[in-house]
Amino acid sequence: MVFKLKPQDTRFFDYFEESAEAICEGADLLNRYFTEKGDPEAMLERINQVEDQGDQIYLDVMNQINNSFITPFDREDILWLAQELNRVLDHIQGTMEKMVIYKVGRPKEIYVPTMVSVLVKATEEIRQAVQWLRNNRSNNAQIIEACERIRAYEREGDDLYRAGIARLFEQTDDVVEIIKWKEIYEHLEATLDNCEAVSNVLKEIAVKYV
């Protein structure tokens, strides 16, 4: 009697790639808010729509795990990556949301827009690394290199965060404004931390399943 093993369910790679695309779209929209000077509430609505897509992708991953016999790697690792990808998008949305709720307008200094441009670069590296993950053995070195670049962007974001916070306290006398912008800085810095968390997961998976 011959037993045929079911093939691996490769749809998880589709979900990861869709999630990475949503992250890039969210980061691009956030960046466009600063470069194109559009309406903040309209931009938040657009980012909310992208976040909703990301949440649906995460739910699809969870449902697929329960219905898959053979997965490309351990279920715990699949969920881990899906969660970290979704957190990046959540924090992108949260940054724009704080801009709207606090009615802060646009920053007078370059640090927040520059942090957002660094975030865009980090999300592009995430998208590329996730695309390479489908053929991990062939692309293992490239994935790890992309993860190192993401970590470098996170460190660059930390430097901008510290400089921006220092400038904020030096140049702003309004305590309420300081509190508002400090929270925005912290949320944006956390978004870059989430990007680094994704890179750590990707690197671990790349090494584990080479």
C-alpha atoms as a PDB file:
ATOM      1  CA  MET A   1       0.000   0.000   0.000  1.00  0.00           C
ATOM      2  CA  VAL A   2       1.391   3.377  -0.994  1.00  0.00           C
ATOM      3  CA  PHE A   3       0.717   6.393   1.184  1.00  0.00           C
ATOM      4  CA  LYS A   4       0.907   9.825  -0.390  1.00  0.00           C
ATOM      5  CA  LEU A   5       1.869  12.689   1.835  1.00  0.00           C
ATOM      6  CA  LYS A   6      -0.119  15.831   1.384  1.00  0.00           C
ATOM      7  CA  PRO A   7       1.969  18.709   0.013  1.00  0.00           C
ATOM      8  CA  GLN A   8       2.886  21.605   2.233  1.00  0.00           C
ATOM      9  CA  ASP A   9       0.350  24.389   2.408  1.00  0.00           C
ATOM     10  CA  THR A  10       2.191  27.240   0.679  1.00  0.00           C
ATOM     11  CA  ARG A  11      -0.648  29.709   1.119  1.00  0.00           C
ATOM     12  CA  PHE A  12       1.077  30.948   4.249  1.00  0.00           C
ATOM     13  CA  PHE A  13       3.721  32.552   2.043  1.00  0.00           C
ATOM     14  CA  ASP A  14       0.944  34.350   0.169  1.00  0.00           C
ATOM     15  CA  TYR A  15      -0.398  35.680   3.466  1.00  0.00           C
ATOM     16  CA  PHE A  16       3.027  36.833   4.623  1.00  0.00           C
ATOM     17  CA  GLU A  17       3.626  38.614   1.332  1.00  0.00           C
ATOM     18  CA  GLU A  18       0.195  40.263   1.470  1.00  0.00           C
ATOM     19  CA  SER A  19       0.885  41.397   5.021  1.00  0.00           C
ATOM     20  CA  ALA A  20       4.271  42.841   4.035  1.00  0.00           C
ATOM     21  CA  GLU A  21       2.643  44.679   1.124  1.00  0.00           C
ATOM     22  CA  ALA A  22       0.069  46.160   3.505  1.00  0.00           C
ATOM     23  CA  ILE A  23       2.852  47.304   5.831  1.00  0.00           C
ATOM     24  CA  CYS A  24       4.624  49.033   2.947  1.00  0.00           C
ATOM     25  CA  GLU A  25       1.390  50.673   1.835  1.00  0.00           C
ATOM     26  CA  GLY A  26       0.681  51.916   5.358  1.00  0.00           C
ATOM     27  CA  ALA A  27       4.205  53.319   5.748  1.00  0.00           C
ATOM     28  CA  ASP A  28       3.989  54.972   2.332  1.00  0.00           C
ATOM     29  CA  LEU A  29       0.676  56.617   3.227  1.00  0.00           C
ATOM     30  CA  LEU A  30       2.124  57.897   6.505  1.00  0.00           C
ATOM     31  CA  ASN A  31       5.096  59.286   4.613  1.00  0.00           C
ATOM     32  CA  ARG A  32       2.855  60.934   2.038  1.00  0.00           C
ATOM     33  CA  TYR A  33       1.021  62.750   4.807  1.00  0.00           C
ATOM     34  CA  PHE A  34       4.229  64.623   5.573  1.00  0.00           C
ATOM     35  CA  THR A  35       5.454  65.086   1.998  1.00  0.00           C
ATOM     36  CA  GLU A  36       2.156  65.988   0.302  1.00  0.00           C
ATOM     37  CA  LYS A  37       0.518  67.896   3.169  1.00  0.00           C
ATOM     38  CA  GLY A  38      -2.899  66.323   2.737  1.00  0.00           C
ATOM     39  CA  ASP A  39      -5.840  66.195   5.118  1.00  0.00           C
ATOM     40  CA  PRO A  40      -4.857  64.231   8.260  1.00  0.00           C
ATOM     41  CA  GLU A  41      -8.299  62.717   8.851  1.00  0.00           C
ATOM     42  CA  ALA A  42      -8.578  61.561   5.242  1.00  0.00           C
ATOM     43  CA  MET A  43      -5.130  59.990   5.468  1.00  0.00           C
ATOM     44  CA  LEU A  44      -6.040  58.257   8.718  1.00  0.00           C
ATOM     45  CA  GLU A  45      -9.104  56.774   7.043  1.00  0.00           C
ATOM     46  CA  ARG A  46      -6.950  55.384   4.243  1.00  0.00           C
ATOM     47  CA  ILE A  47      -4.490  53.893   6.711  1.00  0.00           C
ATOM     48  CA  ASN A  48      -7.390  52.445   8.710  1.00  0.00           C
ATOM     49  CA  GLN A  49      -8.520  50.613   5.581  1.00  0.00           C
ATOM     50  CA  VAL A  50      -5.048  49.141   5.112  1.00  0.00           C
ATOM     51  CA  GLU A  51      -4.928  48.129   8.772  1.00  0.00           C
ATOM     52  CA  ASP A  52      -8.278  46.366   8.368  1.00  0.00           C
ATOM     53  CA  GLN A  53      -6.768  44.398   5.484  1.00  0.00           C
ATOM     54  CA  GLY A  54      -3.820  43.475   7.681  1.00  0.00           C
ATOM     55  CA  ASP A  55      -6.112  42.284  10.465  1.00  0.00           C
ATOM     56  CA  GLN A  56      -8.022  40.130   7.983  1.00  0.00           C
ATOM     57  CA  ILE A  57      -4.786  38.585   6.716  1.00  0.00           C
ATOM     58  CA  TYR A  58      -3.837  37.732  10.289  1.00  0.00           C
ATOM     59  CA  LEU A  59      -7.225  36.053  10.813  1.00  0.00           C
ATOM     60  CA  ASP A  60      -6.739  34.132   7.562  1.00  0.00           C
ATOM     61  CA  VAL A  61      -3.399  32.835   8.841  1.00  0.00           C
ATOM     62  CA  MET A  62      -4.977  31.637  12.065  1.00  0.00           C
ATOM     63  CA  ASN A  63      -7.803  29.916  10.194  1.00  0.00           C
ATOM     64  CA  GLN A  64      -5.398  28.325   7.745  1.00  0.00           C
ATOM     65  CA  ILE A  65      -3.251  26.914  10.543  1.00  0.00           C
ATOM     66  CA  ASN A  66      -6.288  25.076  11.898  1.00  0.00           C
ATOM     67  CA  ASN A  67      -7.027  23.593   8.476  1.00  0.00           C
ATOM     68  CA  SER A  68      -3.538  22.669   7.282  1.00  0.00           C
ATOM     69  CA  PHE A  69      -2.059  19.208   7.673  1.00  0.00           C
ATOM     70  CA  ILE A  70       1.503  20.060   6.643  1.00  0.00           C
ATOM     71  CA  THR A  71       2.870  23.588   7.075  1.00  0.00           C
ATOM     72  CA  PRO A  72       6.110  24.983   5.606  1.00  0.00           C
ATOM     73  CA  PHE A  73       7.458  25.452   9.134  1.00  0.00           C
ATOM     74  CA  ASP A  74       6.241  25.040  12.699  1.00  0.00           C
ATOM     75  CA  ARG A  75       2.861  26.499  13.497  1.00  0.00           C
ATOM     76  CA  GLU A  76       4.350  28.500  16.363  1.00  0.00           C
ATOM     77  CA  ASP A  77       6.788  30.178  13.976  1.00  0.00           C
ATOM     78  CA  ILE A  78       4.044  30.914  11.454  1.00  0.00           C
ATOM     79  CA  LEU A  79       1.929  32.578  14.135  1.00  0.00           C
ATOM     80  CA  TRP A  80       4.943  34.424  15.523  1.00  0.00           C
ATOM     81  CA  LEU A  81       5.789  35.966  12.154  1.00  0.00           C
ATOM     82  CA  ALA A  82       2.154  36.801  11.408  1.00  0.00           C
ATOM     83  CA  GLN A  83       1.788  38.527  14.791  1.00  0.00           C
ATOM     84  CA  GLU A  84       4.939  40.603  14.418  1.00  0.00           C
ATOM     85  CA  LEU A  85       4.003  41.694  10.891  1.00  0.00           C
ATOM     86  CA  ASN A  86       0.570  42.748  12.109  1.00  0.00           C
ATOM     87  CA  ARG A  87       2.066  44.737  15.002  1.00  0.00           C
ATOM     88  CA  VAL A  88       4.052  46.904  12.585  1.00  0.00           C
ATOM     89  CA  LEU A  89       0.890  47.856  10.718  1.00  0.00           C
ATOM     90  CA  ASP A  90      -0.977  48.486  13.986  1.00  0.00           C
ATOM     91  CA  HIS A  91       1.722  50.914  15.103  1.00  0.00           C
ATOM     92  CA  ILE A  92       1.772  52.709  11.758  1.00  0.00           C
ATOM     93  CA  GLN A  93      -1.968  53.264  12.128  1.00  0.00           C
ATOM     94  CA  GLY A  94      -1.513  54.299  15.755  1.00  0.00           C
ATOM     95  CA  THR A  95       1.054  56.943  14.822  1.00  0.00           C
ATOM     96  CA  MET A  96      -1.299  58.585  12.330  1.00  0.00           C
ATOM     97  CA  GLU A  97      -4.155  58.269  14.792  1.00  0.00           C
ATOM     98  CA  LYS A  98      -2.241  60.200  17.438  1.00  0.00           C
ATOM     99  CA  MET A  99      -1.468  62.936  14.905  1.00  0.00           C
ATOM    100  CA  VAL A 100      -5.212  63.321  14.333  1.00  0.00           C
ATOM    101  CA  ILE A 101      -6.418  62.965  17.927  1.00  0.00           C
ATOM    102  CA  TYR A 102      -3.887  65.460  19.269  1.00  0.00           C
ATOM    103  CA  LYS A 103      -4.464  67.908  16.381  1.00  0.00           C
ATOM    104  CA  VAL A 104      -0.753  68.719  16.312  1.00  0.00           C
ATOM    105  CA  GLY A 105      -0.545  69.657  12.647  1.00  0.00           C
ATOM    106  CA  ARG A 106       2.851  69.080  11.083  1.00  0.00           C
ATOM    107  CA  PRO A 107       6.106  69.095  13.035  1.00  0.00           C
ATOM    108  CA  LYS A 108       8.349  72.133  12.912  1.00  0.00           C
ATOM    109  CA  GLU A 109      11.472  69.973  13.018  1.00  0.00           C
ATOM    110  CA  ILE A 110      12.671  67.359  10.549  1.00  0.00           C
ATOM    111  CA  TYR A 111      12.997  64.473  12.982  1.00  0.00           C
ATOM    112  CA  VAL A 112       9.505  62.944  12.756  1.00  0.00           C
ATOM    113  CA  PRO A 113       9.304  63.076   8.922  1.00  0.00           C
ATOM    114  CA  THR A 114      12.845  61.681   8.729  1.00  0.00           C
ATOM    115  CA  MET A 115      11.938  58.834  11.086  1.00  0.00           C
ATOM    116  CA  VAL A 116       8.969  58.069   8.831  1.00  0.00           C
ATOM    117  CA  SER A 117      11.220  57.979   5.754  1.00  0.00           C
ATOM    118  CA  VAL A 118      13.502  55.550   7.604  1.00  0.00           C
ATOM    119  CA  LEU A 119      10.426  53.477   8.445  1.00  0.00           C
ATOM    120  CA  VAL A 120       9.551  53.315   4.743  1.00  0.00           C
ATOM    121  CA  LYS A 121      13.017  51.918   3.987  1.00  0.00           C
ATOM    122  CA  ALA A 122      12.705  49.352   6.791  1.00  0.00           C
ATOM    123  CA  THR A 123       9.310  48.159   5.530  1.00  0.00           C
ATOM    124  CA  GLU A 124      10.684  47.791   2.014  1.00  0.00           C
ATOM    125  CA  GLU A 125      13.395  45.507   3.396  1.00  0.00           C
ATOM    126  CA  ILE A 126      10.704  43.518   5.226  1.00  0.00           C
ATOM    127  CA  ARG A 127       8.772  43.095   1.984  1.00  0.00           C
ATOM    128  CA  GLN A 128      11.854  41.861   0.149  1.00  0.00           C
ATOM    129  CA  ALA A 129      12.900  39.473   2.914  1.00  0.00           C
ATOM    130  CA  VAL A 130       9.390  38.016   3.122  1.00  0.00           C
ATOM    131  CA  GLN A 131       9.355  37.452  -0.638  1.00  0.00           C
ATOM    132  CA  TRP A 132      12.676  35.624  -0.400  1.00  0.00           C
ATOM    133  CA  LEU A 133      11.366  33.443   2.427  1.00  0.00           C
ATOM    134  CA  ARG A 134       9.351  31.362  -0.030  1.00  0.00           C
ATOM    135  CA  ASN A 135      12.669  29.950  -1.332  1.00  0.00           C
ATOM    136  CA  ASN A 136      14.653  30.184   1.874  1.00  0.00           C
ATOM    137  CA  ARG A 137      17.450  27.800   0.914  1.00  0.00           C
ATOM    138  CA  SER A 138      18.263  29.706  -2.255  1.00  0.00           C
ATOM    139  CA  ASN A 139      17.851  33.128  -0.659  1.00  0.00           C
ATOM    140  CA  ASN A 140      19.092  32.479   2.860  1.00  0.00           C
ATOM    141  CA  ALA A 141      22.022  34.889   2.724  1.00  0.00           C
ATOM    142  CA  GLN A 142      19.889  37.640   1.197  1.00  0.00           C
ATOM    143  CA  ILE A 143      17.248  37.270   3.917  1.00  0.00           C
ATOM    144  CA  ILE A 144      19.835  37.574   6.671  1.00  0.00           C
ATOM    145  CA  GLU A 145      21.420  40.608   4.988  1.00  0.00           C
ATOM    146  CA  ALA A 146      18.004  42.272   4.702  1.00  0.00           C
ATOM    147  CA  CYS A 147      17.417  41.610   8.396  1.00  0.00           C
ATOM    148  CA  GLU A 148      20.701  43.325   9.238  1.00  0.00           C
ATOM    149  CA  ARG A 149      19.674  46.349   7.180  1.00  0.00           C
ATOM    150  CA  ILE A 150      16.365  46.511   9.060  1.00  0.00           C
ATOM    151  CA  ARG A 151      18.259  46.503  12.338  1.00  0.00           C
ATOM    152  CA  ALA A 152      20.462  49.327  11.039  1.00  0.00           C
ATOM    153  CA  TYR A 153      17.371  51.364  10.170  1.00  0.00           C
ATOM    154  CA  GLU A 154      16.029  50.775  13.674  1.00  0.00           C
ATOM    155  CA  ARG A 155      19.269  52.134  15.140  1.00  0.00           C
ATOM    156  CA  GLU A 156      19.054  55.131  12.815  1.00  0.00           C
ATOM    157  CA  GLY A 157      15.512  55.697  14.059  1.00  0.00           C
ATOM    158  CA  ASP A 158      16.740  55.573  17.665  1.00  0.00           C
ATOM    159  CA  ASP A 159      19.293  58.294  16.922  1.00  0.00           C
ATOM    160  CA  LEU A 160      16.627  60.480  15.317  1.00  0.00           C
ATOM    161  CA  TYR A 161      14.282  59.827  18.241  1.00  0.00           C
ATOM    162  CA  ARG A 162      16.844  60.947  20.803  1.00  0.00           C
ATOM    163  CA  ALA A 163      17.767  64.028  18.794  1.00  0.00           C
ATOM    164  CA  GLY A 164      14.127  64.909  18.222  1.00  0.00           C
ATOM    165  CA  ILE A 165      13.171  64.559  21.868  1.00  0.00           C
ATOM    166  CA  ALA A 166      16.138  66.680  22.933  1.00  0.00           C
ATOM    167  CA  ARG A 167      15.168  69.367  20.427  1.00  0.00           C
ATOM    168  CA  LEU A 168      11.544  69.218  21.550  1.00  0.00           C
ATOM    169  CA  PHE A 169      12.444  70.017  25.146  1.00  0.00           C
ATOM    170  CA  GLU A 170      14.876  72.719  24.068  1.00  0.00           C
ATOM    171  CA  GLN A 171      12.552  74.579  21.702  1.00  0.00           C
ATOM    172  CA  THR A 172       9.041  74.054  23.123  1.00  0.00           C
ATOM    173  CA  ASP A 173       7.701  75.906  26.132  1.00  0.00           C
ATOM    174  CA  ASP A 174       4.139  74.581  25.939  1.00  0.00           C
ATOM    175  CA  VAL A 175       3.995  71.549  28.247  1.00  0.00           C
ATOM    176  CA  VAL A 176       0.910  70.124  26.527  1.00  0.00           C
ATOM    177  CA  GLU A 177       2.621  70.284  23.132  1.00  0.00           C
ATOM    178  CA  ILE A 178       5.661  68.550  24.585  1.00  0.00           C
ATOM    179  CA  ILE A 179       3.483  65.728  25.922  1.00  0.00           C
ATOM    180  CA  LYS A 180       1.687  65.316  22.588  1.00  0.00           C
ATOM    181  CA  TRP A 181       4.807  65.230  20.442  1.00  0.00           C
ATOM    182  CA  LYS A 182       6.677  63.060  22.929  1.00  0.00           C
ATOM    183  CA  GLU A 183       3.961  60.398  22.592  1.00  0.00           C
ATOM    184  CA  ILE A 184       4.115  60.608  18.800  1.00  0.00           C
ATOM    185  CA  TYR A 185       7.890  60.235  18.861  1.00  0.00           C
ATOM    186  CA  GLU A 186       7.625  57.257  21.195  1.00  0.00           C
ATOM    187  CA  HIS A 187       4.947  55.568  19.104  1.00  0.00           C
ATOM    188  CA  LEU A 188       6.954  56.019  15.924  1.00  0.00           C
ATOM    189  CA  GLU A 189      10.097  54.731  17.629  1.00  0.00           C
ATOM    190  CA  ALA A 190       8.113  51.691  18.776  1.00  0.00           C
ATOM    191  CA  THR A 191       7.037  51.108  15.182  1.00  0.00           C
ATOM    192  CA  LEU A 192      10.676  50.844  14.143  1.00  0.00           C
ATOM    193  CA  ASP A 193      11.265  48.534  17.113  1.00  0.00           C
ATOM    194  CA  ASN A 194       8.484  46.336  15.705  1.00  0.00           C
ATOM    195  CA  CYS A 195      10.284  46.279  12.359  1.00  0.00           C
ATOM    196  CA  GLU A 196      13.382  45.009  14.135  1.00  0.00           C
ATOM    197  CA  ALA A 197      11.250  42.371  15.870  1.00  0.00           C
ATOM    198  CA  VAL A 198      10.078  41.187  12.438  1.00  0.00           C
ATOM    199  CA  SER A 199      13.691  40.998  11.281  1.00  0.00           C
ATOM    200  CA  ASN A 200      14.572  38.877  14.318  1.00  0.00           C
ATOM    201  CA  VAL A 201      11.762  36.432  13.529  1.00  0.00           C
ATOM    202  CA  LEU A 202      12.688  36.286   9.846  1.00  0.00           C
ATOM    203  CA  LYS A 203      16.332  35.659  10.671  1.00  0.00           C
ATOM    204  CA  GLU A 204      15.491  32.900  13.142  1.00  0.00           C
ATOM    205  CA  ILE A 205      13.186  31.194  10.651  1.00  0.00           C
ATOM    206  CA  ALA A 206      15.728  31.572   7.851  1.00  0.00           C
ATOM    207  CA  VAL A 207      18.440  29.925   9.953  1.00  0.00           C
ATOM    208  CA  LYS A 208      16.173  27.263  11.430  1.00  0.00           C
ATOM    209  CA  TYR A 209      14.747  26.013   8.143  1.00  0.00           C
ATOM    210  CA  VAL A 210      17.685  26.428   5.783  1.00  0.00           C
END
